[in-house]
């Protein structure tokens, strides 16, 4: 959520920055509602002062044995007026909050300006694309031939977009998750947490999924709860409505969760294989940091995710996301895209973002620099470290052999206890 003072003091700046995200926001409406709300609050305060003065005068007159009926009548009238203004102020506050919740975060000045994903910028690459002396197969063919991904039975159980991993496919998925968690804890200093996979509406609102993206979420109607689309949601909200002390920062968390996304509006996109599915596993990194450190922490976050791809020996590139492709809550974002030779394209396996104080305002996460200092909002960041099943896709397609088997990356061979899936 943006600071309302920023919108009041720099409305044109907000209009311009929001437009760069290809989002329309009625800034004038926000300002009108905010102005009326403040006007009503001022009127209410003035009437309350008048009522307090009259109440004191009534007391004096009654003590002196004088008539105070006219003053009493005025106090009753003021009470009715105050009640009406209080109700109007409450309605205006709700309307203002609803409007502000739908305003996206502003792109940082360093973010490249662009209309859509075609104008994202490749920052760097690591490794080389593998060279094959045969035509590499796509993962859906490899998975079915090896008996490690079962699309038909997954569809039978839950519909399309819910694959079943079987045998060594299930083990590879589990091993990758354990490898990533252990690596981030041991090498990068993250604290592992295991959060709930079902959260409240308030929790979803805290990280920006609600109210804008409700149609993309799986909702449990009877309890008004939601299946999480990413571990970012519960992990960031661990400190909702808390005031942290300065020595507690920075906080680094890493979590594994399944993720659930309806992908509304994505019908027909990437329907082959496991590139876009409704349930998938992901290891997520979350940071809560001091405001002055957040952009340096973003660069570190990207490097933490990169190390997993490097350990697995997978060629990838780092892409800086332009303004027109930037996420709703994101101020600055990098994507890591791994090469999938069977599909002949790059696939996003990690999105690393700095939200500045946007989520912290929504979730009310603050800290004090000194024991008696005024609380400030922290800055929040998150990044996939990494997302499956696209990491699985990259391993199957990059490590395949001419015989149709798949070699196991050296970094996880001991955990897999085999060298080859055949």
Protein backbone atom coordinates (compact mmCIF):
# COMPACT_ATOMS: atom_id res chain seq x y z
CA UNK A 1 0.00 0.00 0.00
CA UNK A 2 1.25 3.47 -0.84
CA UNK A 3 1.53 6.16 1.81
CA UNK A 4 -1.49 8.44 1.37
CA UNK A 5 0.81 11.40 2.02
CA UNK A 6 2.78 10.53 -1.12
CA UNK A 7 -0.43 10.62 -3.17
CA UNK A 8 -1.49 13.94 -1.58
CA UNK A 9 1.86 15.63 -2.03
CA UNK A 10 2.91 14.15 -5.41
CA UNK A 11 -0.24 13.09 -7.29
CA UNK A 12 1.27 13.65 -10.73
CA UNK A 13 4.32 11.55 -9.85
CA UNK A 14 2.07 8.71 -8.70
CA UNK A 15 0.02 8.96 -11.91
CA UNK A 16 3.13 8.79 -14.06
CA UNK A 17 4.75 5.88 -12.20
CA UNK A 18 1.54 3.84 -12.09
CA UNK A 19 1.03 4.38 -15.82
CA UNK A 20 4.44 2.82 -16.44
CA UNK A 21 2.96 -0.42 -15.04
CA UNK A 22 0.12 -0.27 -17.58
CA UNK A 23 -2.35 0.21 -14.72
CA UNK A 24 -5.09 2.82 -14.52
CA UNK A 25 -5.63 4.40 -11.11
CA UNK A 26 -8.16 7.17 -10.41
CA UNK A 27 -5.85 9.34 -8.31
CA UNK A 28 -8.37 12.19 -8.36
CA UNK A 29 -11.02 9.96 -6.78
CA UNK A 30 -8.59 8.92 -4.05
CA UNK A 31 -7.79 12.57 -3.35
CA UNK A 32 -11.50 13.53 -3.25
CA UNK A 33 -12.37 10.74 -0.83
CA UNK A 34 -9.34 11.55 1.33
CA UNK A 35 -10.16 15.27 1.30
CA UNK A 36 -13.80 14.67 2.27
CA UNK A 37 -12.71 12.23 5.01
CA UNK A 38 -10.37 14.81 6.53
CA UNK A 39 -13.04 17.50 6.21
CA UNK A 40 -15.57 15.32 8.04
CA UNK A 41 -13.07 14.46 10.77
CA UNK A 42 -12.32 18.16 11.27
CA UNK A 43 -16.05 19.00 11.48
CA UNK A 44 -16.54 16.16 13.92
CA UNK A 45 -13.68 17.36 16.14
CA UNK A 46 -15.08 20.91 16.16
CA UNK A 47 -18.53 19.68 17.14
CA UNK A 48 -17.07 17.52 19.90
CA UNK A 49 -15.21 20.53 21.27
CA UNK A 50 -18.42 22.55 21.20
CA UNK A 51 -20.28 19.73 22.97
CA UNK A 52 -17.60 19.52 25.65
CA UNK A 53 -17.80 23.27 26.24
CA UNK A 54 -21.58 23.20 26.44
CA UNK A 55 -21.52 20.22 28.81
CA UNK A 56 -19.21 22.16 31.10
CA UNK A 57 -21.50 25.21 30.88
CA UNK A 58 -24.53 23.06 31.69
CA UNK A 59 -22.78 21.84 34.81
CA UNK A 60 -22.05 25.40 35.91
CA UNK A 61 -25.64 26.55 35.33
CA UNK A 62 -27.14 23.60 37.13
CA UNK A 63 -24.80 24.20 40.06
CA UNK A 64 -25.93 27.83 40.15
CA UNK A 65 -29.58 26.80 39.99
CA UNK A 66 -30.06 28.28 36.54
CA UNK A 67 -32.06 26.86 33.61
CA UNK A 68 -29.95 24.80 31.14
CA UNK A 69 -32.66 23.15 29.02
CA UNK A 70 -31.75 25.05 25.84
CA UNK A 71 -28.11 24.01 26.22
CA UNK A 72 -29.14 20.41 26.83
CA UNK A 73 -31.20 20.46 23.66
CA UNK A 74 -28.21 21.77 21.73
CA UNK A 75 -25.99 19.04 23.21
CA UNK A 76 -28.50 16.40 22.09
CA UNK A 77 -28.54 17.93 18.61
CA UNK A 78 -24.74 17.95 18.53
CA UNK A 79 -24.75 14.28 19.54
CA UNK A 80 -26.91 13.41 16.55
CA UNK A 81 -24.70 15.44 14.20
CA UNK A 82 -21.52 13.87 15.61
CA UNK A 83 -22.95 10.38 15.21
CA UNK A 84 -23.83 11.08 11.56
CA UNK A 85 -20.35 12.47 10.88
CA UNK A 86 -18.68 9.53 12.64
CA UNK A 87 -20.62 7.12 10.43
CA UNK A 88 -19.74 9.10 7.31
CA UNK A 89 -16.07 9.19 8.33
CA UNK A 90 -16.09 5.43 8.88
CA UNK A 91 -17.64 4.83 5.45
CA UNK A 92 -15.13 7.18 3.83
CA UNK A 93 -12.23 5.44 5.60
CA UNK A 94 -13.40 2.06 4.27
CA UNK A 95 -13.77 3.49 0.76
CA UNK A 96 -10.31 5.08 0.93
CA UNK A 97 -8.69 1.88 2.15
CA UNK A 98 -10.38 -0.12 -0.60
CA UNK A 99 -9.10 2.34 -3.21
CA UNK A 100 -5.57 2.31 -1.78
CA UNK A 101 -5.47 -1.49 -1.68
CA UNK A 102 -5.96 -1.50 -5.46
CA UNK A 103 -3.10 0.91 -6.19
CA UNK A 104 0.07 -0.95 -7.27
CA UNK A 105 3.51 -0.30 -5.89
CA UNK A 106 5.51 2.26 -7.85
CA UNK A 107 8.47 1.05 -9.94
CA UNK A 108 11.85 2.17 -8.66
CA UNK A 109 13.65 4.81 -10.71
CA UNK A 110 16.31 2.23 -11.66
CA UNK A 111 13.77 -0.11 -13.29
CA UNK A 112 14.01 -0.02 -17.11
CA UNK A 113 10.98 1.53 -18.76
CA UNK A 114 9.17 -0.85 -21.11
CA UNK A 115 5.67 -1.71 -22.24
CA UNK A 116 5.73 -5.50 -21.64
CA UNK A 117 7.92 -8.61 -21.27
CA UNK A 118 9.46 -8.07 -24.71
CA UNK A 119 11.36 -5.11 -23.24
CA UNK A 120 12.83 -6.92 -20.23
CA UNK A 121 16.63 -6.72 -20.10
CA UNK A 122 19.04 -9.65 -19.83
CA UNK A 123 21.58 -8.68 -17.15
CA UNK A 124 23.91 -11.68 -17.30
CA UNK A 125 24.14 -15.36 -18.19
CA UNK A 126 25.85 -18.30 -16.53
CA UNK A 127 27.08 -21.48 -18.16
CA UNK A 128 26.52 -22.70 -21.69
CA UNK A 129 23.60 -24.30 -23.45
CA UNK A 130 24.24 -28.04 -23.71
CA UNK A 131 25.06 -29.44 -27.13
CA UNK A 132 23.40 -32.73 -28.12
CA UNK A 133 24.21 -35.12 -30.96
CA UNK A 134 20.52 -36.06 -31.02
CA UNK A 135 17.22 -34.20 -30.88
CA UNK A 136 16.48 -33.58 -27.17
CA UNK A 137 13.02 -34.60 -26.05
CA UNK A 138 10.64 -32.35 -24.14
CA UNK A 139 10.09 -33.26 -20.50
CA UNK A 140 6.54 -34.55 -21.00
CA UNK A 141 7.84 -37.27 -23.32
CA UNK A 142 10.75 -38.11 -21.04
CA UNK A 143 8.52 -38.16 -17.98
CA UNK A 144 6.01 -40.54 -19.49
CA UNK A 145 8.63 -42.86 -21.04
CA UNK A 146 10.50 -43.13 -17.74
CA UNK A 147 7.29 -43.55 -15.76
CA UNK A 148 8.09 -40.64 -13.42
CA UNK A 149 5.31 -38.20 -14.38
CA UNK A 150 1.74 -39.40 -14.80
CA UNK A 151 -0.50 -36.81 -16.43
CA UNK A 152 -3.48 -39.08 -17.10
CA UNK A 153 -3.91 -40.26 -13.52
CA UNK A 154 -3.38 -36.73 -12.18
CA UNK A 155 -6.16 -35.49 -14.46
CA UNK A 156 -8.36 -38.38 -13.30
CA UNK A 157 -7.86 -37.34 -9.69
CA UNK A 158 -8.14 -33.57 -9.92
CA UNK A 159 -8.47 -32.43 -13.52
CA UNK A 160 -5.83 -30.97 -15.81
CA UNK A 161 -2.93 -29.13 -14.23
CA UNK A 162 -2.43 -31.60 -11.38
CA UNK A 163 0.29 -34.09 -12.41
CA UNK A 164 1.32 -37.10 -10.35
CA UNK A 165 5.04 -37.66 -9.75
CA UNK A 166 5.86 -41.34 -9.33
CA UNK A 167 8.84 -43.47 -8.36
CA UNK A 168 12.13 -41.68 -9.02
CA UNK A 169 10.18 -38.64 -10.21
CA UNK A 170 8.66 -38.25 -6.75
CA UNK A 171 12.03 -38.86 -5.14
CA UNK A 172 13.76 -36.31 -7.39
CA UNK A 173 11.16 -33.72 -6.44
CA UNK A 174 11.65 -34.44 -2.72
CA UNK A 175 15.45 -34.45 -2.98
CA UNK A 176 15.52 -31.13 -4.81
CA UNK A 177 13.38 -29.51 -2.11
CA UNK A 178 15.60 -30.84 0.67
CA UNK A 179 18.75 -29.83 -1.20
CA UNK A 180 17.51 -26.25 -1.68
CA UNK A 181 16.37 -25.84 1.93
CA UNK A 182 19.62 -27.22 3.33
CA UNK A 183 21.71 -25.08 0.98
CA UNK A 184 19.98 -21.80 1.91
CA UNK A 185 20.21 -22.56 5.61
CA UNK A 186 23.84 -23.71 5.57
CA UNK A 187 25.31 -21.29 3.02
CA UNK A 188 23.09 -18.18 3.17
CA UNK A 189 21.98 -17.99 6.78
CA UNK A 190 18.22 -18.38 6.32
CA UNK A 191 16.00 -19.75 9.06
CA UNK A 192 13.75 -22.57 7.88
CA UNK A 193 10.04 -22.35 8.69
CA UNK A 194 7.15 -24.64 7.78
CA UNK A 195 4.02 -22.47 7.56
CA UNK A 196 0.35 -23.34 7.03
CA UNK A 197 -0.80 -23.82 3.45
CA UNK A 198 -4.21 -22.26 4.20
CA UNK A 199 -4.48 -18.62 5.29
CA UNK A 200 -7.02 -15.94 6.12
CA UNK A 201 -8.25 -13.11 3.94
CA UNK A 202 -6.28 -10.66 6.09
CA UNK A 203 -3.08 -12.62 5.45
CA UNK A 204 -3.67 -12.59 1.69
CA UNK A 205 -4.34 -8.85 1.81
CA UNK A 206 -1.10 -8.24 3.71
CA UNK A 207 1.10 -9.32 0.80
CA UNK A 208 -1.04 -7.86 -1.99
CA UNK A 209 -2.90 -10.90 -3.38
CA UNK A 210 -6.21 -9.43 -2.25
CA UNK A 211 -8.37 -7.75 -3.25
CA UNK A 212 -7.00 -7.53 -6.80
CA UNK A 213 -6.22 -11.20 -7.58
CA UNK A 214 -9.02 -13.08 -5.85
CA UNK A 215 -10.09 -14.82 -9.07
CA UNK A 216 -6.66 -16.45 -9.33
CA UNK A 217 -6.88 -18.00 -5.86
CA UNK A 218 -8.40 -21.22 -4.56
CA UNK A 219 -10.87 -20.29 -1.83
CA UNK A 220 -12.52 -22.41 0.87
CA UNK A 221 -15.92 -20.74 0.89
CA UNK A 222 -17.22 -22.22 4.12
CA UNK A 223 -14.39 -20.68 6.15
CA UNK A 224 -13.34 -17.79 3.88
CA UNK A 225 -9.82 -19.21 3.80
CA UNK A 226 -7.42 -19.45 0.86
CA UNK A 227 -4.90 -22.00 -0.36
CA UNK A 228 -1.60 -20.15 -0.65
CA UNK A 229 -0.25 -19.26 -4.12
CA UNK A 230 3.27 -18.97 -2.66
CA UNK A 231 5.04 -19.30 0.70
CA UNK A 232 5.65 -15.54 0.51
CA UNK A 233 2.13 -15.06 1.87
CA UNK A 234 2.33 -16.85 5.23
CA UNK A 235 6.04 -16.22 5.80
CA UNK A 236 5.89 -12.44 5.26
CA UNK A 237 2.84 -12.29 7.53
CA UNK A 238 4.64 -14.04 10.39
CA UNK A 239 5.38 -10.58 11.77
CA UNK A 240 2.11 -8.88 10.86
CA UNK A 241 1.09 -6.21 13.40
CA UNK A 242 4.45 -6.48 15.16
CA UNK A 243 7.08 -3.89 16.02
CA UNK A 244 10.54 -5.41 15.73
CA UNK A 245 13.69 -4.11 17.37
CA UNK A 246 16.59 -2.92 15.24
CA UNK A 247 18.92 -5.76 16.35
CA UNK A 248 16.39 -8.30 15.03
CA UNK A 249 16.93 -7.09 11.47
CA UNK A 250 17.60 -8.37 8.91
CA UNK A 251 15.36 -11.43 9.14
CA UNK A 252 15.93 -14.18 6.56
CA UNK A 253 13.40 -17.00 6.20
CA UNK A 254 13.24 -19.95 3.84
CA UNK A 255 10.23 -22.25 3.47
CA UNK A 256 8.98 -25.11 1.38
CA UNK A 257 5.28 -25.22 0.52
CA UNK A 258 3.04 -26.47 -2.22
CA UNK A 259 1.53 -23.56 -4.15
CA UNK A 260 -1.99 -23.39 -5.55
CA UNK A 261 -3.00 -21.15 -8.46
CA UNK A 262 -6.14 -21.24 -10.52
CA UNK A 263 -4.31 -19.37 -13.30
CA UNK A 264 -7.53 -17.61 -14.25
CA UNK A 265 -7.12 -15.92 -17.62
CA UNK A 266 -4.31 -18.30 -18.60
CA UNK A 267 -6.47 -20.86 -20.38
CA UNK A 268 -4.66 -22.38 -23.33
CA UNK A 269 -1.21 -21.16 -22.30
CA UNK A 270 1.56 -23.75 -21.92
CA UNK A 271 -0.83 -26.66 -21.49
CA UNK A 272 1.77 -29.31 -22.45
CA UNK A 273 3.71 -30.89 -19.62
CA UNK A 274 4.29 -29.31 -16.23
CA UNK A 275 5.28 -25.80 -17.27
CA UNK A 276 2.07 -24.24 -15.97
CA UNK A 277 0.11 -26.24 -13.41
CA UNK A 278 -2.40 -25.52 -10.65
CA UNK A 279 -0.40 -27.15 -7.84
CA UNK A 280 3.37 -27.07 -7.64
CA UNK A 281 6.17 -27.11 -5.07
CA UNK A 282 8.43 -24.19 -4.34
CA UNK A 283 11.18 -23.19 -1.95
CA UNK A 284 10.79 -19.51 -1.09
CA UNK A 285 13.17 -17.01 0.49
CA UNK A 286 11.73 -14.04 2.40
CA UNK A 287 13.58 -11.08 3.88
CA UNK A 288 12.54 -8.33 6.30
CA UNK A 289 15.20 -5.61 6.31
CA UNK A 290 15.97 -1.99 7.13
CA UNK A 291 14.81 0.40 4.37
CA UNK A 292 18.29 1.64 3.53
CA UNK A 293 19.50 -1.92 2.93
CA UNK A 294 16.72 -3.32 0.76
CA UNK A 295 18.19 -2.82 -2.71
CA UNK A 296 21.54 -4.32 -1.70
CA UNK A 297 19.60 -7.18 -0.10
CA UNK A 298 17.77 -7.71 -3.41
CA UNK A 299 21.06 -8.24 -5.22
CA UNK A 300 22.11 -10.75 -2.54
CA UNK A 301 18.77 -12.52 -2.84
CA UNK A 302 19.29 -12.97 -6.58
CA UNK A 303 22.76 -14.39 -6.01
CA UNK A 304 21.38 -16.82 -3.42
CA UNK A 305 18.92 -18.18 -5.98
CA UNK A 306 21.62 -18.28 -8.67
CA UNK A 307 23.84 -20.48 -6.53
CA UNK A 308 21.24 -23.25 -6.60
CA UNK A 309 21.20 -23.25 -10.41
CA UNK A 310 24.98 -23.18 -10.51
CA UNK A 311 25.21 -26.08 -8.08
CA UNK A 312 22.86 -28.06 -10.33
CA UNK A 313 24.96 -27.14 -13.38
CA UNK A 314 22.08 -25.53 -15.29
CA UNK A 315 22.58 -22.76 -17.84
CA UNK A 316 20.46 -19.71 -16.98
CA UNK A 317 20.13 -15.98 -17.46
CA UNK A 318 19.18 -13.15 -15.10
CA UNK A 319 16.52 -10.82 -16.50
CA UNK A 320 15.69 -7.38 -15.12
CA UNK A 321 11.94 -6.84 -15.42
CA UNK A 322 10.77 -3.63 -17.08
CA UNK A 323 8.04 -1.37 -15.71
CA UNK A 324 5.28 -2.77 -17.92
CA UNK A 325 5.92 -6.36 -16.80
CA UNK A 326 6.50 -5.62 -13.12
CA UNK A 327 4.24 -7.36 -10.59
CA UNK A 328 1.49 -5.51 -8.71
CA UNK A 329 3.37 -5.29 -5.40
CA UNK A 330 6.89 -5.15 -6.84
CA UNK A 331 9.12 -2.10 -6.82
CA UNK A 332 12.05 -3.84 -8.55
CA UNK A 333 12.28 -7.41 -9.84
CA UNK A 334 14.73 -9.86 -11.39
CA UNK A 335 13.77 -13.21 -12.91
CA UNK A 336 16.06 -16.21 -13.28
CA UNK A 337 15.34 -18.12 -16.47
CA UNK A 338 16.77 -21.60 -16.98
CA UNK A 339 17.34 -23.14 -20.41
CA UNK A 340 15.06 -26.05 -21.38
CA UNK A 341 16.55 -27.61 -24.55
CA UNK A 342 13.68 -30.03 -25.18
CA UNK A 343 11.26 -27.11 -25.31
CA UNK A 344 13.84 -24.84 -26.97
CA UNK A 345 13.20 -21.93 -24.62
CA UNK A 346 14.02 -20.32 -21.31
CA UNK A 347 11.73 -20.92 -18.33
CA UNK A 348 11.38 -18.72 -15.26
CA UNK A 349 12.39 -20.65 -12.13
CA UNK A 350 12.82 -17.73 -9.76
CA UNK A 351 11.39 -14.26 -9.37
CA UNK A 352 13.25 -12.05 -6.87
CA UNK A 353 11.59 -8.81 -5.80
CA UNK A 354 11.92 -5.82 -3.51
CA UNK A 355 8.55 -4.52 -2.31
CA UNK A 356 10.05 -1.67 -0.24
CA UNK A 357 7.42 -0.75 2.42
CA UNK A 358 4.41 -1.64 0.23
CA UNK A 359 3.63 -4.97 1.91
CA UNK A 360 4.77 -3.78 5.33
CA UNK A 361 2.16 -1.00 5.28
CA UNK A 362 -0.57 -3.47 4.40
CA UNK A 363 0.58 -5.98 7.04
CA UNK A 364 1.67 -3.31 9.57
CA UNK A 365 5.20 -4.67 10.06
CA UNK A 366 7.41 -2.08 11.74
CA UNK A 367 10.66 -1.72 13.66
CA UNK A 368 12.31 0.73 16.05
CA UNK A 369 15.89 1.87 15.52
CA UNK A 370 16.14 2.74 19.23
CA UNK A 371 13.97 1.57 22.15
CA UNK A 372 11.92 4.79 22.27
CA UNK A 373 12.19 5.77 18.59
CA UNK A 374 9.15 6.21 16.36
CA UNK A 375 8.31 2.92 14.60
CA UNK A 376 9.18 2.70 10.89
CA UNK A 377 7.98 0.24 8.27
CA UNK A 378 10.43 -2.49 7.30
CA UNK A 379 11.12 -3.35 3.68
CA UNK A 380 10.14 -6.84 2.52
CA UNK A 381 11.68 -8.97 -0.22
CA UNK A 382 11.17 -12.46 -1.54
CA UNK A 383 12.53 -14.80 -4.16
CA UNK A 384 12.05 -18.36 -5.33
CA UNK A 385 14.95 -20.52 -4.41
CA UNK A 386 13.82 -22.35 -6.55
CA UNK A 387 10.41 -23.12 -8.02
CA UNK A 388 9.51 -26.62 -9.07
CA UNK A 389 8.45 -28.17 -11.41
CA UNK A 390 10.38 -25.98 -13.86
CA UNK A 391 13.63 -26.91 -12.13
CA UNK A 392 12.58 -30.51 -12.70
CA UNK A 393 11.96 -29.71 -16.37
CA UNK A 394 15.45 -28.23 -16.71
CA UNK A 395 17.11 -31.27 -15.14
CA UNK A 396 15.18 -33.78 -17.25
CA UNK A 397 15.81 -31.92 -20.52
CA UNK A 398 19.42 -30.83 -19.89
CA UNK A 399 20.63 -34.13 -18.45
CA UNK A 400 18.89 -36.49 -20.88
CA UNK A 401 20.85 -39.03 -22.90
CA UNK A 402 20.41 -40.39 -26.40
CA UNK A 403 18.93 -43.57 -24.89
CA UNK A 404 16.17 -41.58 -23.19
CA UNK A 405 17.53 -41.85 -19.65
CA UNK A 406 18.39 -38.88 -17.41
CA UNK A 407 21.64 -38.35 -15.57
CA UNK A 408 21.46 -37.04 -12.00
CA UNK A 409 23.27 -33.73 -11.33
CA UNK A 410 26.37 -34.35 -9.25
CA UNK A 411 25.20 -32.05 -6.43
CA UNK A 412 22.29 -34.35 -5.57
CA UNK A 413 23.58 -37.80 -6.53
CA UNK A 414 24.32 -38.81 -2.94
CA UNK A 415 20.79 -37.84 -1.92
CA UNK A 416 19.24 -39.65 -4.89
CA UNK A 417 21.50 -42.68 -4.31
CA UNK A 418 21.63 -43.27 -8.08
CA UNK A 419 23.47 -41.79 -11.05
CA UNK A 420 20.80 -42.32 -13.68
CA UNK A 421 17.03 -42.45 -14.12
CA UNK A 422 16.45 -45.08 -16.77
